[in-house]
């Protein structure tokens, strides 16, 4: 079935009992993650519950075609319905899901996260046509959506917002729901103790999302998430971001990973190592960074840094288009991340 945009949030919060699987996809990956987590929490309140939440990638599903059915049929030893999360899905999984939805096993809810899928794409078509599944598109928020999100987020913190300040905030947000949430969180913290958010508050603390978009590109490269990285790079180039700045940010990101991994290899705990980083890792990125630390040994981080250094040299001293050099380098880094999980 197709879930209409205006019904999507309500559907994810209270899905029908007979729902076997849901595909959440679209260009706004922050909104994809938000709706996926809402859907998971409708069944399992704790996203990190290892007995009731299983998570794997498209690569893992393709490497082991029985994995989807095995996880769906598994029973939690502590009771309760389980959730199976499939991250970074693409059309290569269409046939697997078509077979599964034709003859589902177990009672687990399957939550599938994907990038932007064209109308008629194989995976999207399977979920749209199945009576026991749902396809939920996540498109970039419009101004009226951001207006409502901002008001609600600030109200929850006991703050109102002046009309001019709201207009200013809305003009700076909207490329990604996750970025919007994080920027509003920063704004609420900055205005804490006041009764209303003003234009001065907005201008003092709220950027244009550039830094967060760069962080997203670094994290998706570190995760080996090709579709999400491709989307992140497209947003950066569309926004006019400097490819050299992106490469330098990626170098900084991997230097930080190397510091944490080195401490862990020496017997330190990952959490304490992460807490020593300055500036600190934002809580919304913590799970991704922890996973990257686990997947990236120091020797492979050095390989990634060599790729990034070479790309910067190409971008600055040759006729190679800078965006092409940066994009190729980050995709090569993402390939190293996937090789580490093989």
Foldseek 3Di string as FASTA:
>chain_A
DEDDQVCQQVCLQPPDQLAAEEEEEELFQQVLVVSLLNNQCSFPVDQPPPQAEAEDEQVVCVVPVCVVQVVQQDARPVHGAHEYEYELDFLVCLVSVLVCLVPPHHRHYYYYYHYHDDVVRRNQVSQVPGPNYYYYYDYWDDLVVLLVVLQVLLVVLQEGEDPVLSVVLSVLDTSHPNLSNVQSVQLNVQCPPHHYRYNVSCVVRHHSCLVVLLVQLLLCLLQLSVSSNVSSLVVCVVVVHQLLVSLVVNLVLLVLLLQLLVCVVVVDDSVVSQVPDPVHDPPVCVVSSVVSSVQDHNVLSVVLNVLSVVLSCCCPPHPPPNSVSSSVSSNVSSVSSVVSVD
